[in-house]
């Protein structure tokens, strides 16, 4: 899995990260939303949510895809500052 960050919008208690996600050779446009009260939400912008994404949590010891993507975006941002 790899990602490219296309944009980030931050507010006091929320943020949106628009990313291009590549998974198993297929590219997806995704909006990752987080807010203080409701937590994470993922929207696939160019397709319906693929089966692998719907099954992610069950296949990854309960870890949500949104949480994984948020961590990956943080890593990409850290690397860009180095």
PDB file of N, CA and C in Angstrom:
ATOM      1  N   UNK A   1       0.845  -1.168   0.000  1.00  0.00           N
ATOM      2  CA  UNK A   1       0.000   0.000   0.000  1.00  0.00           C
ATOM      3  C   UNK A   1       0.891   1.231   0.000  1.00  0.00           C
ATOM      4  N   UNK A   2       0.553   2.184  -0.854  1.00  0.00           N
ATOM      5  CA  UNK A   2       1.269   3.451  -0.853  1.00  0.00           C
ATOM      6  C   UNK A   2       0.253   4.576  -1.008  1.00  0.00           C
ATOM      7  N   UNK A   3       0.655   5.767  -0.581  1.00  0.00           N
ATOM      8  CA  UNK A   3      -0.252   6.903  -0.670  1.00  0.00           C
ATOM      9  C   UNK A   3       0.482   8.135  -1.177  1.00  0.00           C
ATOM     10  N   UNK A   4      -0.287   9.034  -1.736  1.00  0.00           N
ATOM     11  CA  UNK A   4       0.177  10.362  -2.119  1.00  0.00           C
ATOM     12  C   UNK A   4      -0.835  11.342  -1.537  1.00  0.00           C
ATOM     13  N   UNK A   5      -0.362  12.353  -0.831  1.00  0.00           N
ATOM     14  CA  UNK A   5      -1.250  13.342  -0.231  1.00  0.00           C
ATOM     15  C   UNK A   5      -1.523  14.431  -1.256  1.00  0.00           C
ATOM     16  N   UNK A   6      -2.805  14.652  -1.538  1.00  0.00           N
ATOM     17  CA  UNK A   6      -3.208  15.672  -2.505  1.00  0.00           C
ATOM     18  C   UNK A   6      -3.633  16.966  -1.836  1.00  0.00           C
ATOM     19  N   UNK A   7      -4.014  16.907  -0.581  1.00  0.00           N
ATOM     20  CA  UNK A   7      -4.412  18.114   0.128  1.00  0.00           C
ATOM     21  C   UNK A   7      -4.883  17.796   1.530  1.00  0.00           C
ATOM     22  N   UNK A   8      -4.733  18.783   2.414  1.00  0.00           N
ATOM     23  CA  UNK A   8      -5.168  18.649   3.806  1.00  0.00           C
ATOM     24  C   UNK A   8      -5.883  19.935   4.204  1.00  0.00           C
ATOM     25  N   UNK A   9      -7.039  19.779   4.827  1.00  0.00           N
ATOM     26  CA  UNK A   9      -7.779  20.912   5.384  1.00  0.00           C
ATOM     27  C   UNK A   9      -7.942  20.645   6.872  1.00  0.00           C
ATOM     28  N   UNK A  10      -7.429  21.566   7.695  1.00  0.00           N
ATOM     29  CA  UNK A  10      -7.504  21.396   9.146  1.00  0.00           C
ATOM     30  C   UNK A  10      -8.400  22.466   9.749  1.00  0.00           C
ATOM     31  N   UNK A  11      -9.177  22.043  10.721  1.00  0.00           N
ATOM     32  CA  UNK A  11      -9.980  22.945  11.533  1.00  0.00           C
ATOM     33  C   UNK A  11      -9.613  22.699  12.987  1.00  0.00           C
ATOM     34  N   UNK A  12     -10.233  23.420  13.909  1.00  0.00           N
ATOM     35  CA  UNK A  12      -9.890  23.269  15.320  1.00  0.00           C
ATOM     36  C   UNK A  12     -10.095  21.853  15.839  1.00  0.00           C
ATOM     37  N   UNK A  13     -11.189  21.216  15.431  1.00  0.00           N
ATOM     38  CA  UNK A  13     -11.510  19.901  15.976  1.00  0.00           C
ATOM     39  C   UNK A  13     -11.690  18.838  14.900  1.00  0.00           C
ATOM     40  N   UNK A  14     -11.204  19.110  13.677  1.00  0.00           N
ATOM     41  CA  UNK A  14     -11.391  18.148  12.587  1.00  0.00           C
ATOM     42  C   UNK A  14     -10.348  18.381  11.498  1.00  0.00           C
ATOM     43  N   UNK A  15     -10.192  17.373  10.641  1.00  0.00           N
ATOM     44  CA  UNK A  15      -9.379  17.549   9.433  1.00  0.00           C
ATOM     45  C   UNK A  15      -9.847  16.604   8.347  1.00  0.00           C
ATOM     46  N   UNK A  16      -9.544  16.989   7.114  1.00  0.00           N
ATOM     47  CA  UNK A  16      -9.785  16.164   5.937  1.00  0.00           C
ATOM     48  C   UNK A  16      -8.463  16.008   5.208  1.00  0.00           C
ATOM     49  N   UNK A  17      -8.155  14.790   4.819  1.00  0.00           N
ATOM     50  CA  UNK A  17      -6.955  14.512   4.037  1.00  0.00           C
ATOM     51  C   UNK A  17      -7.402  13.855   2.740  1.00  0.00           C
ATOM     52  N   UNK A  18      -7.148  14.516   1.626  1.00  0.00           N
ATOM     53  CA  UNK A  18      -7.459  13.914   0.331  1.00  0.00           C
ATOM     54  C   UNK A  18      -6.198  13.232  -0.165  1.00  0.00           C
ATOM     55  N   UNK A  19      -6.313  11.944  -0.429  1.00  0.00           N
ATOM     56  CA  UNK A  19      -5.135  11.164  -0.802  1.00  0.00           C
ATOM     57  C   UNK A  19      -5.433  10.286  -2.014  1.00  0.00           C
ATOM     58  N   UNK A  20      -4.361   9.901  -2.672  1.00  0.00           N
ATOM     59  CA  UNK A  20      -4.427   8.859  -3.690  1.00  0.00           C
ATOM     60  C   UNK A  20      -3.794   7.634  -3.062  1.00  0.00           C
ATOM     61  N   UNK A  21      -4.572   6.575  -2.982  1.00  0.00           N
ATOM     62  CA  UNK A  21      -4.159   5.330  -2.357  1.00  0.00           C
ATOM     63  C   UNK A  21      -3.938   4.292  -3.449  1.00  0.00           C
ATOM     64  N   UNK A  22      -2.787   3.646  -3.415  1.00  0.00           N
ATOM     65  CA  UNK A  22      -2.530   2.533  -4.334  1.00  0.00           C
ATOM     66  C   UNK A  22      -2.491   1.254  -3.510  1.00  0.00           C
ATOM     67  N   UNK A  23      -3.380   0.319  -3.867  1.00  0.00           N
ATOM     68  CA  UNK A  23      -3.465  -0.949  -3.156  1.00  0.00           C
ATOM     69  C   UNK A  23      -3.574  -2.060  -4.185  1.00  0.00           C
ATOM     70  N   UNK A  24      -2.645  -2.991  -4.119  1.00  0.00           N
ATOM     71  CA  UNK A  24      -2.579  -4.121  -5.048  1.00  0.00           C
ATOM     72  C   UNK A  24      -2.660  -3.657  -6.507  1.00  0.00           C
ATOM     73  N   UNK A  25      -1.922  -2.592  -6.815  1.00  0.00           N
ATOM     74  CA  UNK A  25      -1.815  -2.098  -8.178  1.00  0.00           C
ATOM     75  C   UNK A  25      -2.955  -1.216  -8.647  1.00  0.00           C
ATOM     76  N   UNK A  26      -3.989  -1.057  -7.835  1.00  0.00           N
ATOM     77  CA  UNK A  26      -5.148  -0.240  -8.206  1.00  0.00           C
ATOM     78  C   UNK A  26      -5.089   1.089  -7.454  1.00  0.00           C
ATOM     79  N   UNK A  27      -5.362   2.181  -8.160  1.00  0.00           N
ATOM     80  CA  UNK A  27      -5.338   3.511  -7.571  1.00  0.00           C
ATOM     81  C   UNK A  27      -6.746   3.951  -7.191  1.00  0.00           C
ATOM     82  N   UNK A  28      -6.860   4.567  -6.000  1.00  0.00           N
ATOM     83  CA  UNK A  28      -8.148   5.052  -5.495  1.00  0.00           C
ATOM     84  C   UNK A  28      -7.977   6.474  -4.975  1.00  0.00           C
ATOM     85  N   UNK A  29      -8.950   7.334  -5.254  1.00  0.00           N
ATOM     86  CA  UNK A  29      -9.003   8.660  -4.646  1.00  0.00           C
ATOM     87  C   UNK A  29      -9.856   8.549  -3.392  1.00  0.00           C
ATOM     88  N   UNK A  30      -9.287   8.998  -2.275  1.00  0.00           N
ATOM     89  CA  UNK A  30      -9.938   8.806  -0.978  1.00  0.00           C
ATOM     90  C   UNK A  30      -9.910  10.106  -0.188  1.00  0.00           C
ATOM     91  N   UNK A  31     -11.012  10.386   0.510  1.00  0.00           N
ATOM     92  CA  UNK A  31     -11.031  11.472   1.474  1.00  0.00           C
ATOM     93  C   UNK A  31     -11.110  10.843   2.856  1.00  0.00           C
ATOM     94  N   UNK A  32     -10.110  11.133   3.668  1.00  0.00           N
ATOM     95  CA  UNK A  32     -10.057  10.648   5.046  1.00  0.00           C
ATOM     96  C   UNK A  32     -10.478  11.802   5.946  1.00  0.00           C
ATOM     97  N   UNK A  33     -11.558  11.620   6.676  1.00  0.00           N
ATOM     98  CA  UNK A  33     -12.068  12.661   7.564  1.00  0.00           C
ATOM     99  C   UNK A  33     -11.919  12.189   8.999  1.00  0.00           C
ATOM    100  N   UNK A  34     -11.532  13.104   9.871  1.00  0.00           N
ATOM    101  CA  UNK A  34     -11.503  12.836  11.305  1.00  0.00           C
ATOM    102  C   UNK A  34     -12.050  14.042  12.024  1.00  0.00           C
ATOM    103  N   UNK A  35     -12.881  13.786  13.018  1.00  0.00           N
ATOM    104  CA  UNK A  35     -13.254  14.885  13.912  1.00  0.00           C
ATOM    105  C   UNK A  35     -13.320  14.382  15.345  1.00  0.00           C
ATOM    106  N   UNK A  36     -13.197  15.334  16.243  1.00  0.00           N
ATOM    107  CA  UNK A  36     -13.059  15.048  17.664  1.00  0.00           C
ATOM    108  C   UNK A  36     -14.229  14.247  18.236  1.00  0.00           C
ATOM    109  N   UNK A  37     -15.428  14.441  17.720  1.00  0.00           N
ATOM    110  CA  UNK A  37     -16.610  13.799  18.291  1.00  0.00           C
ATOM    111  C   UNK A  37     -16.979  12.495  17.602  1.00  0.00           C
ATOM    112  N   UNK A  38     -16.808  12.407  16.297  1.00  0.00           N
ATOM    113  CA  UNK A  38     -17.267  11.228  15.562  1.00  0.00           C
ATOM    114  C   UNK A  38     -16.150  10.305  15.098  1.00  0.00           C
ATOM    115  N   UNK A  39     -14.910  10.707  15.259  1.00  0.00           N
ATOM    116  CA  UNK A  39     -13.796   9.859  14.844  1.00  0.00           C
ATOM    117  C   UNK A  39     -13.571   9.881  13.347  1.00  0.00           C
ATOM    118  N   UNK A  40     -13.209   8.738  12.788  1.00  0.00           N
ATOM    119  CA  UNK A  40     -12.820   8.632  11.380  1.00  0.00           C
ATOM    120  C   UNK A  40     -13.988   8.290  10.459  1.00  0.00           C
ATOM    121  N   UNK A  41     -13.831   8.740   9.215  1.00  0.00           N
ATOM    122  CA  UNK A  41     -14.731   8.359   8.132  1.00  0.00           C
ATOM    123  C   UNK A  41     -13.911   8.372   6.840  1.00  0.00           C
ATOM    124  N   UNK A  42     -14.136   7.372   5.995  1.00  0.00           N
ATOM    125  CA  UNK A  42     -13.444   7.298   4.704  1.00  0.00           C
ATOM    126  C   UNK A  42     -14.484   7.366   3.600  1.00  0.00           C
ATOM    127  N   UNK A  43     -14.182   8.177   2.582  1.00  0.00           N
ATOM    128  CA  UNK A  43     -15.030   8.232   1.397  1.00  0.00           C
ATOM    129  C   UNK A  43     -14.160   7.945   0.177  1.00  0.00           C
ATOM    130  N   UNK A  44     -14.531   6.926  -0.574  1.00  0.00           N
ATOM    131  CA  UNK A  44     -13.865   6.655  -1.848  1.00  0.00           C
ATOM    132  C   UNK A  44     -14.516   7.571  -2.880  1.00  0.00           C
ATOM    133  N   UNK A  45     -13.728   8.445  -3.506  1.00  0.00           N
ATOM    134  CA  UNK A  45     -14.267   9.501  -4.358  1.00  0.00           C
ATOM    135  C   UNK A  45     -14.567   9.042  -5.773  1.00  0.00           C
ATOM    136  N   UNK A  46     -13.864   8.035  -6.262  1.00  0.00           N
ATOM    137  CA  UNK A  46     -14.020   7.649  -7.663  1.00  0.00           C
ATOM    138  C   UNK A  46     -14.700   6.297  -7.856  1.00  0.00           C
ATOM    139  N   UNK A  47     -15.125   5.671  -6.760  1.00  0.00           N
ATOM    140  CA  UNK A  47     -15.759   4.357  -6.837  1.00  0.00           C
ATOM    141  C   UNK A  47     -16.477   4.083  -5.524  1.00  0.00           C
ATOM    142  N   UNK A  48     -17.276   3.060  -5.497  1.00  0.00           N
ATOM    143  CA  UNK A  48     -17.829   2.609  -4.220  1.00  0.00           C
ATOM    144  C   UNK A  48     -16.700   1.952  -3.439  1.00  0.00           C
ATOM    145  N   UNK A  49     -16.880   1.873  -2.163  1.00  0.00           N
ATOM    146  CA  UNK A  49     -15.863   1.257  -1.319  1.00  0.00           C
ATOM    147  C   UNK A  49     -15.612  -0.181  -1.773  1.00  0.00           C
ATOM    148  N   UNK A  50     -14.357  -0.508  -2.125  1.00  0.00           N
ATOM    149  CA  UNK A  50     -14.061  -1.871  -2.593  1.00  0.00           C
ATOM    150  C   UNK A  50     -14.183  -2.893  -1.455  1.00  0.00           C
ATOM    151  N   UNK A  51     -14.393  -4.139  -1.843  1.00  0.00           N
ATOM    152  CA  UNK A  51     -14.562  -5.211  -0.860  1.00  0.00           C
ATOM    153  C   UNK A  51     -13.393  -5.300   0.111  1.00  0.00           C
ATOM    154  N   UNK A  52     -12.166  -5.160  -0.401  1.00  0.00           N
ATOM    155  CA  UNK A  52     -11.003  -5.280   0.482  1.00  0.00           C
ATOM    156  C   UNK A  52     -11.040  -4.207   1.566  1.00  0.00           C
ATOM    157  N   UNK A  53     -11.545  -3.010   1.229  1.00  0.00           N
ATOM    158  CA  UNK A  53     -11.627  -1.927   2.211  1.00  0.00           C
ATOM    159  C   UNK A  53     -12.719  -2.214   3.239  1.00  0.00           C
ATOM    160  N   UNK A  54     -13.849  -2.735   2.756  1.00  0.00           N
ATOM    161  CA  UNK A  54     -14.943  -3.082   3.665  1.00  0.00           C
ATOM    162  C   UNK A  54     -14.531  -4.166   4.652  1.00  0.00           C
ATOM    163  N   UNK A  55     -13.664  -5.080   4.224  1.00  0.00           N
ATOM    164  CA  UNK A  55     -13.235  -6.195   5.059  1.00  0.00           C
ATOM    165  C   UNK A  55     -11.937  -5.926   5.821  1.00  0.00           C
ATOM    166  N   UNK A  56     -11.367  -4.735   5.680  1.00  0.00           N
ATOM    167  CA  UNK A  56     -10.056  -4.416   6.229  1.00  0.00           C
ATOM    168  C   UNK A  56      -9.956  -4.727   7.724  1.00  0.00           C
ATOM    169  N   UNK A  57     -10.891  -4.223   8.504  1.00  0.00           N
ATOM    170  CA  UNK A  57     -10.822  -4.368   9.950  1.00  0.00           C
ATOM    171  C   UNK A  57     -10.850  -5.844  10.366  1.00  0.00           C
ATOM    172  N   UNK A  58     -11.703  -6.621   9.713  1.00  0.00           N
ATOM    173  CA  UNK A  58     -11.789  -8.058  10.029  1.00  0.00           C
ATOM    174  C   UNK A  58     -10.499  -8.791   9.695  1.00  0.00           C
ATOM    175  N   UNK A  59      -9.794  -8.346   8.668  1.00  0.00           N
ATOM    176  CA  UNK A  59      -8.579  -9.021   8.214  1.00  0.00           C
ATOM    177  C   UNK A  59      -7.298  -8.455   8.816  1.00  0.00           C
ATOM    178  N   UNK A  60      -7.417  -7.423   9.664  1.00  0.00           N
ATOM    179  CA  UNK A  60      -6.229  -6.772  10.222  1.00  0.00           C
ATOM    180  C   UNK A  60      -6.357  -6.561  11.724  1.00  0.00           C
ATOM    181  N   UNK A  61      -6.766  -7.600  12.415  1.00  0.00           N
ATOM    182  CA  UNK A  61      -6.831  -7.611  13.886  1.00  0.00           C
ATOM    183  C   UNK A  61      -7.595  -6.430  14.469  1.00  0.00           C
ATOM    184  N   UNK A  62      -8.652  -6.000  13.793  1.00  0.00           N
ATOM    185  CA  UNK A  62      -9.498  -4.931  14.313  1.00  0.00           C
ATOM    186  C   UNK A  62      -8.998  -3.522  14.069  1.00  0.00           C
ATOM    187  N   UNK A  63      -7.849  -3.382  13.439  1.00  0.00           N
ATOM    188  CA  UNK A  63      -7.302  -2.052  13.152  1.00  0.00           C
ATOM    189  C   UNK A  63      -8.018  -1.470  11.933  1.00  0.00           C
ATOM    190  N   UNK A  64      -8.565  -0.280  12.074  1.00  0.00           N
ATOM    191  CA  UNK A  64      -9.359   0.297  10.986  1.00  0.00           C
ATOM    192  C   UNK A  64      -8.470   0.799   9.849  1.00  0.00           C
ATOM    193  N   UNK A  65      -9.013   0.743   8.659  1.00  0.00           N
ATOM    194  CA  UNK A  65      -8.307   1.264   7.489  1.00  0.00           C
ATOM    195  C   UNK A  65      -8.049   2.758   7.650  1.00  0.00           C
ATOM    196  N   UNK A  66      -9.004   3.474   8.199  1.00  0.00           N
ATOM    197  CA  UNK A  66      -8.836   4.916   8.400  1.00  0.00           C
ATOM    198  C   UNK A  66      -7.635   5.208   9.308  1.00  0.00           C
ATOM    199  N   UNK A  67      -7.496   4.448  10.374  1.00  0.00           N
ATOM    200  CA  UNK A  67      -6.381   4.627  11.296  1.00  0.00           C
ATOM    201  C   UNK A  67      -5.051   4.358  10.600  1.00  0.00           C
ATOM    202  N   UNK A  68      -5.009   3.306   9.793  1.00  0.00           N
ATOM    203  CA  UNK A  68      -3.792   2.971   9.045  1.00  0.00           C
ATOM    204  C   UNK A  68      -3.451   4.087   8.059  1.00  0.00           C
ATOM    205  N   UNK A  69      -4.445   4.577   7.327  1.00  0.00           N
ATOM    206  CA  UNK A  69      -4.203   5.652   6.356  1.00  0.00           C
ATOM    207  C   UNK A  69      -3.747   6.931   7.045  1.00  0.00           C
ATOM    208  N   UNK A  70      -4.318   7.223   8.206  1.00  0.00           N
ATOM    209  CA  UNK A  70      -3.907   8.415   8.950  1.00  0.00           C
ATOM    210  C   UNK A  70      -2.439   8.306   9.355  1.00  0.00           C
ATOM    211  N   UNK A  71      -2.038   7.129   9.813  1.00  0.00           N
ATOM    212  CA  UNK A  71      -0.638   6.911  10.169  1.00  0.00           C
ATOM    213  C   UNK A  71       0.286   7.034   8.968  1.00  0.00           C
ATOM    214  N   UNK A  72      -0.133   6.498   7.829  1.00  0.00           N
ATOM    215  CA  UNK A  72       0.681   6.596   6.611  1.00  0.00           C
ATOM    216  C   UNK A  72       0.828   8.045   6.154  1.00  0.00           C
ATOM    217  N   UNK A  73      -0.252   8.820   6.241  1.00  0.00           N
ATOM    218  CA  UNK A  73      -0.143  10.228   5.832  1.00  0.00           C
ATOM    219  C   UNK A  73       0.807  10.976   6.761  1.00  0.00           C
ATOM    220  N   UNK A  74       0.763  10.665   8.055  1.00  0.00           N
ATOM    221  CA  UNK A  74       1.692  11.298   8.992  1.00  0.00           C
ATOM    222  C   UNK A  74       3.141  10.949   8.650  1.00  0.00           C
ATOM    223  N   UNK A  75       3.397   9.692   8.280  1.00  0.00           N
ATOM    224  CA  UNK A  75       4.746   9.279   7.887  1.00  0.00           C
ATOM    225  C   UNK A  75       5.210  10.022   6.637  1.00  0.00           C
ATOM    226  N   UNK A  76       4.337  10.148   5.647  1.00  0.00           N
ATOM    227  CA  UNK A  76       4.685  10.850   4.410  1.00  0.00           C
ATOM    228  C   UNK A  76       4.991  12.317   4.710  1.00  0.00           C
ATOM    229  N   UNK A  77       4.188  12.928   5.576  1.00  0.00           N
ATOM    230  CA  UNK A  77       4.434  14.320   5.940  1.00  0.00           C
ATOM    231  C   UNK A  77       5.762  14.483   6.675  1.00  0.00           C
ATOM    232  N   UNK A  78       6.067  13.573   7.602  1.00  0.00           N
ATOM    233  CA  UNK A  78       7.337  13.635   8.323  1.00  0.00           C
ATOM    234  C   UNK A  78       8.517  13.509   7.368  1.00  0.00           C
ATOM    235  N   UNK A  79       8.425  12.584   6.428  1.00  0.00           N
ATOM    236  CA  UNK A  79       9.514  12.388   5.455  1.00  0.00           C
ATOM    237  C   UNK A  79       9.701  13.612   4.573  1.00  0.00           C
ATOM    238  N   UNK A  80       8.630  14.321   4.287  1.00  0.00           N
ATOM    239  CA  UNK A  80       8.735  15.482   3.420  1.00  0.00           C
ATOM    240  C   UNK A  80       9.438  16.651   4.122  1.00  0.00           C
ATOM    241  N   UNK A  81       9.453  16.623   5.472  1.00  0.00           N
ATOM    242  CA  UNK A  81      10.134  17.681   6.219  1.00  0.00           C
ATOM    243  C   UNK A  81      11.607  17.397   6.414  1.00  0.00           C
ATOM    244  N   UNK A  82      12.035  16.164   6.162  1.00  0.00           N
ATOM    245  CA  UNK A  82      13.449  15.804   6.371  1.00  0.00           C
ATOM    246  C   UNK A  82      14.338  16.280   5.253  1.00  0.00           C
TER     247      UNK A  82
END
